[in-house]
Amino acid sequence: MSIIRNGIVTTGEYSGWEITVANDRDGDTGGYYLYLKKSDIENFDYWFEHEAELHAQLVDFEVEWIG
């Protein structure tokens, strides 16, 4: 699995949370992961089979991408 992008959500319910997009197309799942992390205790992950589904979810977030 390779990390595609990292950032910080800047508005809304998840403002201040870290966001990571990972590519697992060549891995076990064959898709993409979206991770949201506030702390080691409070975090979520989402799996998408297709890149278009991932992009459709990302439009819900205002993100300051790092790097």
PDB file of N, CA and C in Angstrom:
ATOM      1  N   MET A   1       0.854  -1.170   0.000  1.00  0.00           N
ATOM      2  CA  MET A   1       0.000   0.000   0.000  1.00  0.00           C
ATOM      3  C   MET A   1       0.900   1.232   0.000  1.00  0.00           C
ATOM      4  N   SER A   2       0.548   2.192  -0.823  1.00  0.00           N
ATOM      5  CA  SER A   2       1.337   3.423  -0.874  1.00  0.00           C
ATOM      6  C   SER A   2       0.445   4.622  -0.553  1.00  0.00           C
ATOM      7  N   ILE A   3       1.032   5.579   0.147  1.00  0.00           N
ATOM      8  CA  ILE A   3       0.324   6.807   0.505  1.00  0.00           C
ATOM      9  C   ILE A   3       0.300   7.722  -0.713  1.00  0.00           C
ATOM     10  N   ILE A   4      -0.886   8.192  -1.070  1.00  0.00           N
ATOM     11  CA  ILE A   4      -1.028   9.109  -2.195  1.00  0.00           C
ATOM     12  C   ILE A   4      -0.925  10.547  -1.716  1.00  0.00           C
ATOM     13  N   ARG A   5      -1.666  10.878  -0.641  1.00  0.00           N
ATOM     14  CA  ARG A   5      -1.680  12.258  -0.132  1.00  0.00           C
ATOM     15  C   ARG A   5      -1.961  12.264   1.362  1.00  0.00           C
ATOM     16  N   ASN A   6      -1.428  13.295   2.031  1.00  0.00           N
ATOM     17  CA  ASN A   6      -1.714  13.571   3.436  1.00  0.00           C
ATOM     18  C   ASN A   6      -2.163  15.009   3.561  1.00  0.00           C
ATOM     19  N   GLY A   7      -3.009  15.281   4.526  1.00  0.00           N
ATOM     20  CA  GLY A   7      -3.456  16.649   4.733  1.00  0.00           C
ATOM     21  C   GLY A   7      -4.195  16.807   6.041  1.00  0.00           C
ATOM     22  N   ILE A   8      -4.759  17.998   6.226  1.00  0.00           N
ATOM     23  CA  ILE A   8      -5.549  18.341   7.405  1.00  0.00           C
ATOM     24  C   ILE A   8      -6.893  18.870   6.924  1.00  0.00           C
ATOM     25  N   VAL A   9      -7.974  18.329   7.478  1.00  0.00           N
ATOM     26  CA  VAL A   9      -9.312  18.825   7.158  1.00  0.00           C
ATOM     27  C   VAL A   9      -9.449  20.206   7.795  1.00  0.00           C
ATOM     28  N   THR A  10      -9.932  21.190   7.038  1.00  0.00           N
ATOM     29  CA  THR A  10      -9.936  22.578   7.527  1.00  0.00           C
ATOM     30  C   THR A  10     -11.304  23.100   7.941  1.00  0.00           C
ATOM     31  N   THR A  11     -12.386  22.424   7.577  1.00  0.00           N
ATOM     32  CA  THR A  11     -13.718  22.896   7.947  1.00  0.00           C
ATOM     33  C   THR A  11     -14.620  21.717   8.277  1.00  0.00           C
ATOM     34  N   GLY A  12     -15.754  22.022   8.886  1.00  0.00           N
ATOM     35  CA  GLY A  12     -16.774  21.011   9.120  1.00  0.00           C
ATOM     36  C   GLY A  12     -16.542  20.152  10.341  1.00  0.00           C
ATOM     37  N   GLU A  13     -17.282  19.067  10.393  1.00  0.00           N
ATOM     38  CA  GLU A  13     -17.282  18.155  11.532  1.00  0.00           C
ATOM     39  C   GLU A  13     -15.896  17.596  11.845  1.00  0.00           C
ATOM     40  N   TYR A  14     -15.069  17.401  10.827  1.00  0.00           N
ATOM     41  CA  TYR A  14     -13.746  16.808  11.010  1.00  0.00           C
ATOM     42  C   TYR A  14     -12.617  17.838  10.943  1.00  0.00           C
ATOM     43  N   SER A  15     -12.932  19.099  11.159  1.00  0.00           N
ATOM     44  CA  SER A  15     -11.920  20.159  11.131  1.00  0.00           C
ATOM     45  C   SER A  15     -10.788  19.842  12.110  1.00  0.00           C
ATOM     46  N   GLY A  16      -9.551  19.922  11.609  1.00  0.00           N
ATOM     47  CA  GLY A  16      -8.375  19.644  12.426  1.00  0.00           C
ATOM     48  C   GLY A  16      -7.919  18.197  12.380  1.00  0.00           C
ATOM     49  N   TRP A  17      -8.711  17.332  11.799  1.00  0.00           N
ATOM     50  CA  TRP A  17      -8.347  15.919  11.713  1.00  0.00           C
ATOM     51  C   TRP A  17      -7.343  15.712  10.583  1.00  0.00           C
ATOM     52  N   GLU A  18      -6.436  14.752  10.775  1.00  0.00           N
ATOM     53  CA  GLU A  18      -5.513  14.349   9.718  1.00  0.00           C
ATOM     54  C   GLU A  18      -6.276  13.495   8.712  1.00  0.00           C
ATOM     55  N   ILE A  19      -5.955  13.643   7.433  1.00  0.00           N
ATOM     56  CA  ILE A  19      -6.566  12.827   6.385  1.00  0.00           C
ATOM     57  C   ILE A  19      -5.452  12.223   5.538  1.00  0.00           C
ATOM     58  N   THR A  20      -5.586  10.946   5.247  1.00  0.00           N
ATOM     59  CA  THR A  20      -4.605  10.234   4.430  1.00  0.00           C
ATOM     60  C   THR A  20      -5.338   9.435   3.366  1.00  0.00           C
ATOM     61  N   VAL A  21      -4.847   9.501   2.147  1.00  0.00           N
ATOM     62  CA  VAL A  21      -5.384   8.709   1.043  1.00  0.00           C
ATOM     63  C   VAL A  21      -4.304   7.700   0.658  1.00  0.00           C
ATOM     64  N   ALA A  22      -4.685   6.419   0.615  1.00  0.00           N
ATOM     65  CA  ALA A  22      -3.725   5.361   0.302  1.00  0.00           C
ATOM     66  C   ALA A  22      -4.227   4.504  -0.858  1.00  0.00           C
ATOM     67  N   ASN A  23      -3.283   4.074  -1.680  1.00  0.00           N
ATOM     68  CA  ASN A  23      -3.563   3.233  -2.840  1.00  0.00           C
ATOM     69  C   ASN A  23      -3.224   1.790  -2.479  1.00  0.00           C
ATOM     70  N   ASP A  24      -4.211   0.911  -2.525  1.00  0.00           N
ATOM     71  CA  ASP A  24      -3.987  -0.507  -2.249  1.00  0.00           C
ATOM     72  C   ASP A  24      -4.400  -1.366  -3.448  1.00  0.00           C
ATOM     73  N   ARG A  25      -4.336  -0.790  -4.649  1.00  0.00           N
ATOM     74  CA  ARG A  25      -4.767  -1.523  -5.846  1.00  0.00           C
ATOM     75  C   ARG A  25      -3.968  -2.799  -6.068  1.00  0.00           C
ATOM     76  N   ASP A  26      -2.698  -2.799  -5.686  1.00  0.00           N
ATOM     77  CA  ASP A  26      -1.874  -3.993  -5.862  1.00  0.00           C
ATOM     78  C   ASP A  26      -1.814  -4.832  -4.595  1.00  0.00           C
ATOM     79  N   GLY A  27      -2.550  -4.437  -3.559  1.00  0.00           N
ATOM     80  CA  GLY A  27      -2.538  -5.141  -2.281  1.00  0.00           C
ATOM     81  C   GLY A  27      -3.709  -6.091  -2.123  1.00  0.00           C
ATOM     82  N   ASP A  28      -4.036  -6.356  -0.875  1.00  0.00           N
ATOM     83  CA  ASP A  28      -5.082  -7.322  -0.554  1.00  0.00           C
ATOM     84  C   ASP A  28      -6.479  -6.874  -0.970  1.00  0.00           C
ATOM     85  N   THR A  29      -6.760  -5.582  -0.879  1.00  0.00           N
ATOM     86  CA  THR A  29      -8.133  -5.120  -1.130  1.00  0.00           C
ATOM     87  C   THR A  29      -8.385  -4.718  -2.569  1.00  0.00           C
ATOM     88  N   GLY A  30      -7.346  -4.307  -3.269  1.00  0.00           N
ATOM     89  CA  GLY A  30      -7.511  -3.895  -4.655  1.00  0.00           C
ATOM     90  C   GLY A  30      -8.216  -2.581  -4.831  1.00  0.00           C
ATOM     91  N   GLY A  31      -8.157  -1.711  -3.837  1.00  0.00           N
ATOM     92  CA  GLY A  31      -8.854  -0.429  -3.939  1.00  0.00           C
ATOM     93  C   GLY A  31      -8.081   0.705  -3.307  1.00  0.00           C
ATOM     94  N   TYR A  32      -8.829   1.618  -2.698  1.00  0.00           N
ATOM     95  CA  TYR A  32      -8.257   2.820  -2.087  1.00  0.00           C
ATOM     96  C   TYR A  32      -8.790   2.966  -0.669  1.00  0.00           C
ATOM     97  N   TYR A  33      -7.958   3.500   0.216  1.00  0.00           N
ATOM     98  CA  TYR A  33      -8.373   3.796   1.582  1.00  0.00           C
ATOM     99  C   TYR A  33      -8.334   5.295   1.825  1.00  0.00           C
ATOM    100  N   LEU A  34      -9.283   5.753   2.616  1.00  0.00           N
ATOM    101  CA  LEU A  34      -9.311   7.120   3.118  1.00  0.00           C
ATOM    102  C   LEU A  34      -9.321   7.003   4.633  1.00  0.00           C
ATOM    103  N   TYR A  35      -8.293   7.548   5.274  1.00  0.00           N
ATOM    104  CA  TYR A  35      -8.176   7.498   6.727  1.00  0.00           C
ATOM    105  C   TYR A  35      -8.398   8.892   7.302  1.00  0.00           C
ATOM    106  N   LEU A  36      -9.193   8.978   8.356  1.00  0.00           N
ATOM    107  CA  LEU A  36      -9.384  10.211   9.116  1.00  0.00           C
ATOM    108  C   LEU A  36      -8.944   9.936  10.541  1.00  0.00           C
ATOM    109  N   LYS A  37      -8.079  10.813  11.089  1.00  0.00           N
ATOM    110  CA  LYS A  37      -7.540  10.565  12.422  1.00  0.00           C
ATOM    111  C   LYS A  37      -7.528  11.846  13.240  1.00  0.00           C
ATOM    112  N   LYS A  38      -8.165  11.782  14.405  1.00  0.00           N
ATOM    113  CA  LYS A  38      -8.118  12.880  15.362  1.00  0.00           C
ATOM    114  C   LYS A  38      -7.097  12.562  16.446  1.00  0.00           C
ATOM    115  N   SER A  39      -7.063  11.299  16.872  1.00  0.00           N
ATOM    116  CA  SER A  39      -6.138  10.835  17.902  1.00  0.00           C
ATOM    117  C   SER A  39      -5.950   9.333  17.710  1.00  0.00           C
ATOM    118  N   ASP A  40      -5.127   8.728  18.555  1.00  0.00           N
ATOM    119  CA  ASP A  40      -4.937   7.283  18.463  1.00  0.00           C
ATOM    120  C   ASP A  40      -6.215   6.527  18.807  1.00  0.00           C
ATOM    121  N   ILE A  41      -7.118   7.179  19.521  1.00  0.00           N
ATOM    122  CA  ILE A  41      -8.367   6.544  19.928  1.00  0.00           C
ATOM    123  C   ILE A  41      -9.492   6.826  18.939  1.00  0.00           C
ATOM    124  N   GLU A  42      -9.518   8.025  18.397  1.00  0.00           N
ATOM    125  CA  GLU A  42     -10.619   8.452  17.529  1.00  0.00           C
ATOM    126  C   GLU A  42     -10.144   8.557  16.082  1.00  0.00           C
ATOM    127  N   ASN A  43     -10.495   7.545  15.280  1.00  0.00           N
ATOM    128  CA  ASN A  43     -10.120   7.536  13.866  1.00  0.00           C
ATOM    129  C   ASN A  43     -11.075   6.636  13.088  1.00  0.00           C
ATOM    130  N   PHE A  44     -11.138   6.872  11.784  1.00  0.00           N
ATOM    131  CA  PHE A  44     -12.028   6.127  10.903  1.00  0.00           C
ATOM    132  C   PHE A  44     -11.295   5.785   9.617  1.00  0.00           C
ATOM    133  N   ASP A  45     -11.732   4.716   8.970  1.00  0.00           N
ATOM    134  CA  ASP A  45     -11.214   4.431   7.636  1.00  0.00           C
ATOM    135  C   ASP A  45     -12.371   4.052   6.724  1.00  0.00           C
ATOM    136  N   TYR A  46     -12.195   4.381   5.462  1.00  0.00           N
ATOM    137  CA  TYR A  46     -13.179   4.082   4.423  1.00  0.00           C
ATOM    138  C   TYR A  46     -12.454   3.378   3.287  1.00  0.00           C
ATOM    139  N   TRP A  47     -13.103   2.407   2.675  1.00  0.00           N
ATOM    140  CA  TRP A  47     -12.522   1.684   1.551  1.00  0.00           C
ATOM    141  C   TRP A  47     -13.361   1.934   0.311  1.00  0.00           C
ATOM    142  N   PHE A  48     -12.685   2.138  -0.813  1.00  0.00           N
ATOM    143  CA  PHE A  48     -13.352   2.375  -2.094  1.00  0.00           C
ATOM    144  C   PHE A  48     -12.751   1.444  -3.138  1.00  0.00           C
ATOM    145  N   GLU A  49     -13.604   0.782  -3.877  1.00  0.00           N
ATOM    146  CA  GLU A  49     -13.121  -0.121  -4.916  1.00  0.00           C
ATOM    147  C   GLU A  49     -12.560   0.649  -6.105  1.00  0.00           C
ATOM    148  N   HIS A  50     -13.192   1.783  -6.436  1.00  0.00           N
ATOM    149  CA  HIS A  50     -12.800   2.550  -7.614  1.00  0.00           C
ATOM    150  C   HIS A  50     -12.357   3.960  -7.232  1.00  0.00           C
ATOM    151  N   GLU A  51     -11.415   4.495  -7.983  1.00  0.00           N
ATOM    152  CA  GLU A  51     -10.895   5.841  -7.732  1.00  0.00           C
ATOM    153  C   GLU A  51     -12.000   6.893  -7.818  1.00  0.00           C
ATOM    154  N   ALA A  52     -12.961   6.714  -8.703  1.00  0.00           N
ATOM    155  CA  ALA A  52     -14.066   7.674  -8.838  1.00  0.00           C
ATOM    156  C   ALA A  52     -14.885   7.766  -7.549  1.00  0.00           C
ATOM    157  N   GLU A  53     -15.065   6.641  -6.857  1.00  0.00           N
ATOM    158  CA  GLU A  53     -15.786   6.643  -5.580  1.00  0.00           C
ATOM    159  C   GLU A  53     -15.011   7.430  -4.528  1.00  0.00           C
ATOM    160  N   LEU A  54     -13.698   7.267  -4.517  1.00  0.00           N
ATOM    161  CA  LEU A  54     -12.840   8.015  -3.601  1.00  0.00           C
ATOM    162  C   LEU A  54     -12.976   9.511  -3.844  1.00  0.00           C
ATOM    163  N   HIS A  55     -12.880   9.930  -5.094  1.00  0.00           N
ATOM    164  CA  HIS A  55     -12.992  11.351  -5.424  1.00  0.00           C
ATOM    165  C   HIS A  55     -14.365  11.902  -5.057  1.00  0.00           C
ATOM    166  N   ALA A  56     -15.408  11.102  -5.229  1.00  0.00           N
ATOM    167  CA  ALA A  56     -16.756  11.539  -4.855  1.00  0.00           C
ATOM    168  C   ALA A  56     -16.848  11.800  -3.354  1.00  0.00           C
ATOM    169  N   GLN A  57     -16.158  11.008  -2.545  1.00  0.00           N
ATOM    170  CA  GLN A  57     -16.147  11.225  -1.092  1.00  0.00           C
ATOM    171  C   GLN A  57     -15.306  12.442  -0.721  1.00  0.00           C
ATOM    172  N   LEU A  58     -14.184  12.636  -1.399  1.00  0.00           N
ATOM    173  CA  LEU A  58     -13.284  13.742  -1.066  1.00  0.00           C
ATOM    174  C   LEU A  58     -13.914  15.113  -1.283  1.00  0.00           C
ATOM    175  N   VAL A  59     -14.906  15.225  -2.155  1.00  0.00           N
ATOM    176  CA  VAL A  59     -15.538  16.531  -2.376  1.00  0.00           C
ATOM    177  C   VAL A  59     -16.280  17.010  -1.133  1.00  0.00           C
ATOM    178  N   ASP A  60     -16.543  16.113  -0.184  1.00  0.00           N
ATOM    179  CA  ASP A  60     -17.214  16.487   1.063  1.00  0.00           C
ATOM    180  C   ASP A  60     -16.272  17.152   2.059  1.00  0.00           C
ATOM    181  N   PHE A  61     -14.977  17.170   1.781  1.00  0.00           N
ATOM    182  CA  PHE A  61     -13.978  17.692   2.715  1.00  0.00           C
ATOM    183  C   PHE A  61     -13.224  18.873   2.115  1.00  0.00           C
ATOM    184  N   GLU A  62     -13.024  19.905   2.933  1.00  0.00           N
ATOM    185  CA  GLU A  62     -12.082  20.979   2.601  1.00  0.00           C
ATOM    186  C   GLU A  62     -10.765  20.553   3.237  1.00  0.00           C
ATOM    187  N   VAL A  63      -9.714  20.388   2.426  1.00  0.00           N
ATOM    188  CA  VAL A  63      -8.455  19.844   2.927  1.00  0.00           C
ATOM    189  C   VAL A  63      -7.298  20.744   2.546  1.00  0.00           C
ATOM    190  N   GLU A  64      -6.397  20.957   3.502  1.00  0.00           N
ATOM    191  CA  GLU A  64      -5.108  21.587   3.215  1.00  0.00           C
ATOM    192  C   GLU A  64      -4.117  20.441   3.035  1.00  0.00           C
ATOM    193  N   TRP A  65      -3.779  20.147   1.783  1.00  0.00           N
ATOM    194  CA  TRP A  65      -2.896  19.029   1.483  1.00  0.00           C
ATOM    195  C   TRP A  65      -1.457  19.389   1.821  1.00  0.00           C
ATOM    196  N   ILE A  66      -0.725  18.440   2.354  1.00  0.00           N
ATOM    197  CA  ILE A  66       0.668  18.626   2.760  1.00  0.00           C
ATOM    198  C   ILE A  66       1.552  17.967   1.707  1.00  0.00           C
ATOM    199  N   GLY A  67       2.497  18.731   1.204  1.00  0.00           N
ATOM    200  CA  GLY A  67       3.450  18.187   0.242  1.00  0.00           C
ATOM    201  C   GLY A  67       3.013  18.096  -1.156  1.00  0.00           C
TER     202      GLY A  67
END
